[in-house]
N, C-alpha and C. Protein backbone atom coordinates (compact mmCIF):
# COMPACT_ATOMS: atom_id res chain seq x y z
N MET A 1 0.82 -1.20 0.00
CA MET A 1 0.00 0.00 0.00
C MET A 1 0.87 1.26 0.00
N ASP A 2 2.00 1.23 0.73
CA ASP A 2 2.89 2.39 0.73
C ASP A 2 3.47 2.65 -0.65
N THR A 3 3.78 1.59 -1.37
CA THR A 3 4.32 1.75 -2.71
C THR A 3 3.29 2.42 -3.62
N LEU A 4 2.06 2.02 -3.51
CA LEU A 4 1.00 2.63 -4.31
C LEU A 4 0.84 4.10 -3.94
N ARG A 5 0.86 4.41 -2.66
CA ARG A 5 0.71 5.79 -2.19
C ARG A 5 1.86 6.66 -2.71
N ARG A 6 3.09 6.13 -2.66
CA ARG A 6 4.25 6.88 -3.15
C ARG A 6 4.16 7.11 -4.65
N SER A 7 3.73 6.10 -5.40
CA SER A 7 3.65 6.26 -6.85
C SER A 7 2.53 7.24 -7.23
N LEU A 8 1.44 7.26 -6.48
CA LEU A 8 0.36 8.20 -6.76
C LEU A 8 0.74 9.63 -6.40
N SER A 9 1.60 9.80 -5.38
CA SER A 9 2.00 11.16 -4.99
C SER A 9 2.82 11.83 -6.08
N ARG A 10 3.42 11.03 -6.96
CA ARG A 10 4.18 11.59 -8.07
C ARG A 10 3.25 12.36 -9.01
N TRP A 11 2.00 11.97 -9.08
CA TRP A 11 1.03 12.59 -9.99
C TRP A 11 0.19 13.67 -9.31
N LYS A 12 0.31 13.80 -8.00
CA LYS A 12 -0.48 14.77 -7.25
C LYS A 12 -0.11 16.19 -7.67
N ARG A 13 -1.10 17.03 -7.80
CA ARG A 13 -0.90 18.43 -8.16
C ARG A 13 -1.63 19.31 -7.14
N TYR A 14 -1.00 20.42 -6.81
CA TYR A 14 -1.60 21.42 -5.95
C TYR A 14 -1.86 22.68 -6.78
N HIS A 15 -2.98 23.32 -6.50
CA HIS A 15 -3.28 24.61 -7.10
C HIS A 15 -3.08 25.64 -6.00
N ILE A 16 -2.00 26.40 -6.11
CA ILE A 16 -1.67 27.41 -5.11
C ILE A 16 -1.69 28.78 -5.77
N LYS A 17 -1.56 29.81 -4.95
CA LYS A 17 -1.46 31.17 -5.46
C LYS A 17 -0.24 31.84 -4.83
N VAL A 18 0.40 32.68 -5.62
CA VAL A 18 1.52 33.47 -5.13
C VAL A 18 1.08 34.93 -5.15
N HIS A 19 1.10 35.55 -3.97
CA HIS A 19 0.73 36.97 -3.87
C HIS A 19 1.99 37.79 -4.10
N LEU A 20 2.01 38.53 -5.19
CA LEU A 20 3.14 39.40 -5.52
C LEU A 20 2.88 40.74 -4.85
N ALA A 21 3.54 40.97 -3.73
CA ALA A 21 3.25 42.14 -2.90
C ALA A 21 3.52 43.45 -3.62
N ASP A 22 4.59 43.51 -4.41
CA ASP A 22 4.94 44.77 -5.08
C ASP A 22 3.92 45.17 -6.14
N GLU A 23 3.39 44.20 -6.86
CA GLU A 23 2.43 44.49 -7.92
C GLU A 23 0.98 44.34 -7.45
N ASP A 24 0.78 43.90 -6.21
CA ASP A 24 -0.55 43.63 -5.67
C ASP A 24 -1.33 42.73 -6.62
N LEU A 25 -0.73 41.57 -6.93
CA LEU A 25 -1.26 40.64 -7.91
C LEU A 25 -1.23 39.24 -7.33
N MET A 26 -2.26 38.44 -7.62
CA MET A 26 -2.29 37.03 -7.21
C MET A 26 -2.06 36.18 -8.46
N MET A 27 -1.01 35.36 -8.44
CA MET A 27 -0.65 34.52 -9.59
C MET A 27 -0.97 33.07 -9.25
N PRO A 28 -1.94 32.46 -9.95
CA PRO A 28 -2.24 31.04 -9.71
C PRO A 28 -1.17 30.15 -10.36
N LEU A 29 -0.77 29.10 -9.65
CA LEU A 29 0.21 28.15 -10.16
C LEU A 29 -0.25 26.73 -9.86
N THR A 30 0.10 25.81 -10.73
CA THR A 30 -0.12 24.38 -10.48
C THR A 30 1.25 23.77 -10.24
N VAL A 31 1.42 23.17 -9.06
CA VAL A 31 2.72 22.66 -8.64
C VAL A 31 2.58 21.23 -8.11
N ARG A 32 3.71 20.59 -7.88
CA ARG A 32 3.75 19.26 -7.27
C ARG A 32 4.33 19.38 -5.87
N PRO A 33 4.01 18.48 -4.97
CA PRO A 33 4.53 18.54 -3.60
C PRO A 33 6.06 18.48 -3.54
N ARG A 34 6.69 17.84 -4.51
CA ARG A 34 8.15 17.71 -4.46
C ARG A 34 8.87 18.88 -5.13
N ASP A 35 8.13 19.85 -5.66
CA ASP A 35 8.74 21.05 -6.23
C ASP A 35 9.41 21.87 -5.14
N THR A 36 10.51 22.52 -5.49
CA THR A 36 11.23 23.37 -4.55
C THR A 36 10.90 24.84 -4.83
N VAL A 37 11.39 25.71 -3.96
CA VAL A 37 11.21 27.14 -4.15
C VAL A 37 11.87 27.58 -5.46
N MET A 38 13.00 26.97 -5.79
CA MET A 38 13.66 27.29 -7.06
C MET A 38 12.76 26.92 -8.25
N ASP A 39 12.02 25.80 -8.13
CA ASP A 39 11.07 25.42 -9.18
C ASP A 39 9.95 26.46 -9.30
N LEU A 40 9.50 27.00 -8.16
CA LEU A 40 8.47 28.04 -8.18
C LEU A 40 8.98 29.28 -8.91
N ARG A 41 10.23 29.63 -8.65
CA ARG A 41 10.82 30.79 -9.32
C ARG A 41 10.83 30.57 -10.84
N ALA A 42 11.20 29.37 -11.26
CA ALA A 42 11.24 29.07 -12.69
C ALA A 42 9.84 29.16 -13.31
N LEU A 43 8.82 28.69 -12.59
CA LEU A 43 7.45 28.80 -13.09
C LEU A 43 7.04 30.26 -13.25
N LEU A 44 7.42 31.09 -12.30
CA LEU A 44 7.08 32.51 -12.38
C LEU A 44 7.80 33.19 -13.54
N VAL A 45 9.05 32.81 -13.79
CA VAL A 45 9.79 33.38 -14.91
C VAL A 45 9.11 33.02 -16.23
N ARG A 46 8.60 31.79 -16.34
CA ARG A 46 7.87 31.39 -17.55
C ARG A 46 6.62 32.23 -17.75
N GLU A 47 6.05 32.72 -16.64
CA GLU A 47 4.87 33.58 -16.71
C GLU A 47 5.23 35.05 -16.90
N GLY A 48 6.54 35.35 -16.98
CA GLY A 48 6.99 36.72 -17.20
C GLY A 48 7.21 37.53 -15.95
N ILE A 49 7.34 36.87 -14.81
CA ILE A 49 7.52 37.57 -13.54
C ILE A 49 8.91 37.25 -12.99
N THR A 50 9.71 38.29 -12.79
CA THR A 50 11.05 38.11 -12.23
C THR A 50 10.95 37.99 -10.72
N SER A 51 11.57 36.95 -10.18
CA SER A 51 11.47 36.73 -8.73
C SER A 51 12.82 36.48 -8.08
N TRP A 52 13.92 36.75 -8.79
CA TRP A 52 15.23 36.36 -8.28
C TRP A 52 15.71 37.20 -7.12
N LYS A 53 15.26 38.42 -6.97
CA LYS A 53 15.67 39.24 -5.82
C LYS A 53 14.52 39.40 -4.85
N LYS A 54 13.71 38.35 -4.75
CA LYS A 54 12.54 38.38 -3.87
C LYS A 54 12.54 37.13 -3.00
N THR A 55 11.84 37.21 -1.88
CA THR A 55 11.80 36.12 -0.90
C THR A 55 10.38 35.59 -0.78
N PHE A 56 10.25 34.26 -0.74
CA PHE A 56 8.96 33.61 -0.53
C PHE A 56 8.71 33.43 0.96
N TYR A 57 7.46 33.68 1.37
CA TYR A 57 7.03 33.46 2.75
C TYR A 57 5.76 32.63 2.74
N TYR A 58 5.65 31.75 3.74
CA TYR A 58 4.43 30.98 3.93
C TYR A 58 4.19 30.88 5.42
N ASN A 59 3.01 31.28 5.88
CA ASN A 59 2.66 31.31 7.30
C ASN A 59 3.71 32.07 8.11
N SER A 60 4.10 33.24 7.63
CA SER A 60 5.05 34.14 8.29
C SER A 60 6.45 33.53 8.43
N ARG A 61 6.76 32.53 7.62
CA ARG A 61 8.07 31.89 7.68
C ARG A 61 8.72 31.97 6.31
N GLN A 62 10.00 32.39 6.31
CA GLN A 62 10.74 32.48 5.05
C GLN A 62 11.06 31.08 4.55
N LEU A 63 10.83 30.85 3.27
CA LEU A 63 11.11 29.54 2.68
C LEU A 63 12.53 29.51 2.12
N GLU A 64 13.20 28.39 2.30
CA GLU A 64 14.55 28.21 1.80
C GLU A 64 14.50 27.75 0.34
N GLU A 65 15.54 28.04 -0.42
CA GLU A 65 15.58 27.75 -1.85
C GLU A 65 15.41 26.28 -2.19
N HIS A 66 16.00 25.39 -1.40
CA HIS A 66 15.97 23.96 -1.71
C HIS A 66 14.90 23.20 -0.93
N GLU A 67 14.04 23.92 -0.24
CA GLU A 67 12.95 23.33 0.53
C GLU A 67 11.81 22.95 -0.41
N THR A 68 11.29 21.73 -0.25
CA THR A 68 10.16 21.31 -1.08
C THR A 68 8.86 21.85 -0.49
N LEU A 69 7.83 21.87 -1.31
CA LEU A 69 6.53 22.33 -0.82
C LEU A 69 6.00 21.40 0.26
N LYS A 70 6.28 20.11 0.12
CA LYS A 70 5.84 19.15 1.14
C LYS A 70 6.54 19.42 2.47
N GLU A 71 7.84 19.71 2.43
CA GLU A 71 8.58 20.02 3.67
C GLU A 71 8.06 21.28 4.34
N ALA A 72 7.57 22.23 3.55
CA ALA A 72 7.05 23.49 4.09
C ALA A 72 5.58 23.38 4.48
N ASN A 73 4.99 22.20 4.34
CA ASN A 73 3.59 21.95 4.67
C ASN A 73 2.62 22.78 3.83
N ILE A 74 3.00 23.04 2.60
CA ILE A 74 2.13 23.77 1.68
C ILE A 74 1.15 22.77 1.06
N GLN A 75 -0.12 23.10 1.11
CA GLN A 75 -1.19 22.23 0.65
C GLN A 75 -1.93 22.86 -0.53
N ASN A 76 -2.85 22.12 -1.07
CA ASN A 76 -3.70 22.62 -2.14
C ASN A 76 -4.48 23.84 -1.64
N GLY A 77 -4.46 24.93 -2.40
CA GLY A 77 -5.17 26.15 -2.02
C GLY A 77 -4.36 27.13 -1.18
N SER A 78 -3.11 26.82 -0.87
CA SER A 78 -2.27 27.71 -0.08
C SER A 78 -1.90 28.96 -0.85
N VAL A 79 -1.59 30.02 -0.11
CA VAL A 79 -1.16 31.28 -0.71
C VAL A 79 0.23 31.61 -0.16
N LEU A 80 1.18 31.81 -1.07
CA LEU A 80 2.54 32.20 -0.71
C LEU A 80 2.69 33.69 -0.95
N LEU A 81 3.51 34.33 -0.16
CA LEU A 81 3.78 35.75 -0.30
C LEU A 81 5.16 35.91 -0.90
N LEU A 82 5.29 36.73 -1.93
CA LEU A 82 6.58 37.02 -2.56
C LEU A 82 6.89 38.49 -2.37
N VAL A 83 7.96 38.77 -1.60
CA VAL A 83 8.31 40.13 -1.20
C VAL A 83 9.71 40.48 -1.69
N SER A 84 9.90 41.70 -2.15
CA SER A 84 11.22 42.16 -2.59
C SER A 84 12.18 42.25 -1.41
N ASN A 85 13.44 41.87 -1.67
CA ASN A 85 14.49 42.04 -0.66
C ASN A 85 14.89 43.50 -0.66
N LYS A 86 15.03 44.05 0.51
CA LYS A 86 15.40 45.48 0.60
C LYS A 86 16.83 45.60 1.04
């Protein structure tokens, strides 16, 4: 049963939103639990949004670059905050 659960998690998708504080914009993204913050940055760049000098926050906690969404306890429907570094 664990093997089946692990193989199904590979196909799991989350629909999250990234709040771009500087532009006051909500960007919807479809991600996987094993995606990292760096993967999120790449998705935003594909959408035309530069995020390299910005920091991601979730539940008032700064996310690390190599942290997966699963490690950060990000679930379907979560909202991440993207703030410029000053």
